[in-house]
């Protein structure tokens, strides 16, 4: 399929209600308003052509950009393309989910996470924290730098309440993942989460709330899922 054919399908699949919902969450035009579940129906077609996936992201259309992230091969994506993607991501679903998920499963996960976390750009910094959290969620503990994660937990504890809006959200998520996906760090992350307490994040024109990290980690523990890794963080 061509880029034009995919874009035509996306336009047909979009709805005003979904478009309005995404915009309430911070999405920018252009977008058609296609539900994520419907985007996944096109993944197989796009996955056959990695150049097509890159071309879809380059359209600047939010639905096409999200689809590109679902279909791209993270193992073979170029670092330069990820750097372009993170700069073009114009709302949190693209920066914290699309780009972060692909980057976390790429060979450049740690390199880019570290770089992006220090960015002066809010969405890029948030993408960095989300990339590292996603990396933790799919990587065996033996391959993790536990001391670096401890250092980042301390940084989150010390700075989260003075950070930028979406960075606060992804820092909170990092604490949750560290305490849930790494058994040996469970108690340390849980203690840090308790000291952090409630995190205030402006969630736009939505009813979404920020989950308290300590309560969330405790729920994971109650389900017997501490230390359980995901097969993929791209969704």
Protein backbone atom coordinates (compact mmCIF):
# COMPACT_ATOMS: atom_id res chain seq x y z
CA UNK A 1 0.00 0.00 0.00
CA UNK A 2 1.11 3.57 -0.59
CA UNK A 3 1.22 6.40 1.90
CA UNK A 4 -1.75 8.01 0.15
CA UNK A 5 -3.78 4.80 0.36
CA UNK A 6 -3.09 4.43 4.09
CA UNK A 7 -3.95 8.08 4.70
CA UNK A 8 -7.22 7.61 2.83
CA UNK A 9 -8.07 4.59 5.00
CA UNK A 10 -7.23 6.51 8.16
CA UNK A 11 -9.47 9.38 7.11
CA UNK A 12 -12.34 6.96 6.56
CA UNK A 13 -11.75 5.33 9.98
CA UNK A 14 -11.62 8.60 11.91
CA UNK A 15 -14.58 9.95 13.86
CA UNK A 16 -15.42 13.38 15.22
CA UNK A 17 -15.94 11.95 18.71
CA UNK A 18 -12.50 10.34 18.84
CA UNK A 19 -10.89 13.42 17.32
CA UNK A 20 -12.50 15.58 20.00
CA UNK A 21 -11.36 13.17 22.74
CA UNK A 22 -7.76 13.25 21.52
CA UNK A 23 -7.82 17.04 21.31
CA UNK A 24 -9.08 17.23 24.89
CA UNK A 25 -5.98 15.24 25.81
CA UNK A 26 -3.74 17.68 23.98
CA UNK A 27 -3.56 16.35 20.42
CA UNK A 28 -2.82 18.86 17.68
CA UNK A 29 -4.08 19.02 14.13
CA UNK A 30 -3.82 17.37 11.72
CA UNK A 31 -5.54 14.21 12.91
CA UNK A 32 -8.52 12.15 11.79
CA UNK A 33 -9.43 10.69 15.19
CA UNK A 34 -8.82 6.96 14.73
CA UNK A 35 -9.10 4.68 17.76
CA UNK A 36 -5.92 2.81 18.67
CA UNK A 37 -7.70 -0.52 18.25
CA UNK A 38 -8.61 0.44 14.69
CA UNK A 39 -5.07 1.57 13.93
CA UNK A 40 -3.87 -1.92 14.83
CA UNK A 41 -5.95 -3.33 11.98
CA UNK A 42 -3.53 -1.68 9.56
CA UNK A 43 -0.29 -2.67 11.29
CA UNK A 44 0.32 -5.81 9.21
CA UNK A 45 0.04 -3.85 5.97
CA UNK A 46 2.46 -1.15 7.09
CA UNK A 47 4.91 -3.55 8.77
CA UNK A 48 5.62 -5.08 5.36
CA UNK A 49 7.17 -1.80 4.26
CA UNK A 50 9.38 -0.02 6.78
CA UNK A 51 9.87 2.93 4.44
CA UNK A 52 6.09 3.32 4.46
CA UNK A 53 6.10 3.44 8.27
CA UNK A 54 8.71 6.20 8.23
CA UNK A 55 6.75 8.08 5.56
CA UNK A 56 3.58 7.91 7.63
CA UNK A 57 5.29 9.46 10.64
CA UNK A 58 6.69 12.19 8.40
CA UNK A 59 3.16 13.25 7.37
CA UNK A 60 2.72 15.00 10.72
CA UNK A 61 -0.76 13.49 11.03
CA UNK A 62 -1.19 12.20 14.59
CA UNK A 63 -3.02 9.01 13.58
CA UNK A 64 -0.44 8.18 10.94
CA UNK A 65 2.41 8.90 13.36
CA UNK A 66 0.95 6.56 15.98
CA UNK A 67 0.45 3.85 13.36
CA UNK A 68 4.08 4.24 12.29
CA UNK A 69 5.20 3.55 15.85
CA UNK A 70 3.10 0.40 15.99
CA UNK A 71 4.51 -0.90 12.70
CA UNK A 72 8.17 0.12 12.70
CA UNK A 73 10.83 -2.48 13.56
CA UNK A 74 12.58 -1.15 16.69
CA UNK A 75 15.52 -3.50 16.25
CA UNK A 76 16.48 -1.97 12.92
CA UNK A 77 15.36 1.65 13.27
CA UNK A 78 18.15 4.20 12.89
CA UNK A 79 19.10 6.43 15.80
CA UNK A 80 18.84 9.46 13.53
CA UNK A 81 15.21 8.62 12.75
CA UNK A 82 14.37 8.34 16.44
CA UNK A 83 15.97 11.74 17.00
CA UNK A 84 13.78 13.15 14.24
CA UNK A 85 10.69 11.45 15.63
CA UNK A 86 11.11 12.80 19.15
CA UNK A 87 11.44 16.35 17.81
CA UNK A 88 8.29 15.96 15.71
CA UNK A 89 6.15 14.44 18.49
CA UNK A 90 3.76 17.25 19.37
CA UNK A 91 1.70 15.72 22.18
CA UNK A 92 2.20 13.21 24.94
CA UNK A 93 0.68 10.15 23.23
CA UNK A 94 3.35 10.41 20.56
CA UNK A 95 6.27 11.35 22.80
CA UNK A 96 5.53 9.13 25.81
CA UNK A 97 4.05 6.13 24.03
CA UNK A 98 4.93 6.00 20.32
CA UNK A 99 8.49 7.29 20.40
CA UNK A 100 9.33 6.06 23.90
CA UNK A 101 8.07 2.55 23.19
CA UNK A 102 10.03 2.19 19.96
CA UNK A 103 13.16 3.75 21.46
CA UNK A 104 12.98 1.44 24.50
CA UNK A 105 13.15 -1.64 22.28
CA UNK A 106 15.82 -0.20 20.00
CA UNK A 107 19.59 -0.68 20.36
CA UNK A 108 19.79 2.97 21.48
CA UNK A 109 17.40 2.80 24.43
CA UNK A 110 19.73 3.87 27.22
CA UNK A 111 21.75 6.29 25.14
CA UNK A 112 18.67 8.19 24.01
CA UNK A 113 16.83 7.95 27.34
CA UNK A 114 19.77 9.55 29.12
CA UNK A 115 20.09 12.28 26.51
CA UNK A 116 16.39 13.06 26.33
CA UNK A 117 15.85 13.17 30.09
CA UNK A 118 18.20 16.17 30.24
CA UNK A 119 16.40 18.07 27.48
CA UNK A 120 15.09 21.59 27.99
CA UNK A 121 12.05 20.59 25.91
CA UNK A 122 9.26 19.26 28.13
CA UNK A 123 7.96 16.58 25.76
CA UNK A 124 11.46 15.34 24.95
CA UNK A 125 12.42 15.15 28.63
CA UNK A 126 9.17 13.29 29.37
CA UNK A 127 9.94 10.94 26.48
CA UNK A 128 13.32 10.22 28.06
CA UNK A 129 11.83 9.18 31.38
CA UNK A 130 9.18 7.11 29.60
CA UNK A 131 11.83 5.47 27.41
CA UNK A 132 13.88 4.40 30.42
CA UNK A 133 10.78 3.14 32.26
CA UNK A 134 9.71 1.13 29.22
CA UNK A 135 13.23 -0.24 28.86
CA UNK A 136 13.07 -1.47 32.47
CA UNK A 137 9.71 -3.12 31.82
CA UNK A 138 11.04 -5.39 29.03
CA UNK A 139 14.67 -5.94 30.05
CA UNK A 140 15.88 -8.79 32.30
CA UNK A 141 17.13 -7.55 35.66
CA UNK A 142 20.57 -9.01 34.99
CA UNK A 143 20.97 -6.57 32.09
CA UNK A 144 19.89 -3.48 34.06
CA UNK A 145 22.18 -0.97 35.72
CA UNK A 146 20.55 -1.07 39.15
CA UNK A 147 22.76 1.68 40.55
CA UNK A 148 21.73 4.02 37.75
CA UNK A 149 18.07 3.23 38.37
CA UNK A 150 18.60 3.94 42.08
CA UNK A 151 20.15 7.27 41.13
CA UNK A 152 17.17 8.11 38.93
CA UNK A 153 14.76 7.14 41.70
CA UNK A 154 16.57 9.59 43.95
CA UNK A 155 16.45 12.28 41.26
CA UNK A 156 12.72 11.74 40.81
CA UNK A 157 12.16 11.97 44.56
CA UNK A 158 14.16 15.17 44.86
CA UNK A 159 12.87 17.03 41.79
CA UNK A 160 9.48 15.65 40.71
CA UNK A 161 7.35 18.34 42.34
CA UNK A 162 9.34 21.16 40.72
CA UNK A 163 9.52 19.58 37.27
CA UNK A 164 7.50 20.42 34.17
CA UNK A 165 3.99 19.02 33.83
CA UNK A 166 4.48 15.93 31.64
CA UNK A 167 7.90 15.27 33.16
CA UNK A 168 6.19 14.94 36.53
CA UNK A 169 3.83 12.39 35.04
CA UNK A 170 6.56 10.27 33.48
CA UNK A 171 8.80 10.50 36.55
CA UNK A 172 5.89 9.11 38.56
CA UNK A 173 5.54 6.34 35.99
CA UNK A 174 9.25 5.59 36.23
CA UNK A 175 8.96 5.10 39.99
CA UNK A 176 6.00 2.75 39.45
CA UNK A 177 7.86 0.66 36.86
CA UNK A 178 11.04 0.50 38.95
CA UNK A 179 9.06 -0.73 41.94
CA UNK A 180 6.96 -3.16 39.94
CA UNK A 181 9.23 -4.64 37.28
CA UNK A 182 12.49 -4.95 39.26
CA UNK A 183 12.04 -7.25 42.26
CA UNK A 184 15.29 -6.22 43.95
CA UNK A 185 14.29 -2.54 43.82
CA UNK A 186 10.70 -3.04 44.94
CA UNK A 187 11.15 -1.90 48.53
CA UNK A 188 13.39 1.04 47.65
CA UNK A 189 11.03 2.33 44.96
CA UNK A 190 8.02 1.82 47.20
CA UNK A 191 9.68 3.85 49.96
CA UNK A 192 10.58 6.60 47.49
CA UNK A 193 7.01 6.62 46.19
CA UNK A 194 5.71 7.06 49.74
CA UNK A 195 7.99 10.03 50.32
CA UNK A 196 7.00 11.57 46.97
CA UNK A 197 3.32 11.36 47.79
CA UNK A 198 0.65 12.78 45.50
CA UNK A 199 1.88 14.22 42.21
CA UNK A 200 -0.07 17.07 40.64
CA UNK A 201 -0.32 16.98 36.85
CA UNK A 202 -2.58 19.06 34.61
CA UNK A 203 -4.39 16.41 32.58
CA UNK A 204 -6.16 18.87 30.30
CA UNK A 205 -9.89 18.71 29.65
CA UNK A 206 -10.16 15.12 30.87
CA UNK A 207 -11.17 13.17 33.96
CA UNK A 208 -7.83 11.32 34.00
CA UNK A 209 -5.95 11.20 37.28
CA UNK A 210 -2.34 10.56 38.24
CA UNK A 211 -2.06 7.23 40.07
CA UNK A 212 -0.22 7.48 43.42
CA UNK A 213 2.96 5.50 42.81
CA UNK A 214 2.97 3.73 46.18
CA UNK A 215 -0.64 2.58 45.89
CA UNK A 216 -0.07 1.41 42.32
CA UNK A 217 3.02 -0.61 43.26
CA UNK A 218 1.10 -2.19 46.13
CA UNK A 219 -1.65 -3.25 43.72
CA UNK A 220 0.95 -4.91 41.49
CA UNK A 221 2.30 -6.72 44.55
CA UNK A 222 -1.19 -7.86 45.54
CA UNK A 223 -1.57 -9.44 42.09
CA UNK A 224 1.72 -11.29 42.54
CA UNK A 225 3.26 -9.51 39.57
CA UNK A 226 6.35 -7.90 41.09
CA UNK A 227 9.32 -8.55 38.79
CA UNK A 228 7.19 -9.70 35.86
CA UNK A 229 8.40 -8.28 32.55
CA UNK A 230 6.37 -7.31 29.49
CA UNK A 231 6.93 -8.98 26.15
CA UNK A 232 6.72 -5.60 24.45
CA UNK A 233 6.12 -2.01 25.46
CA UNK A 234 4.85 -1.00 22.02
CA UNK A 235 1.07 -0.78 22.17
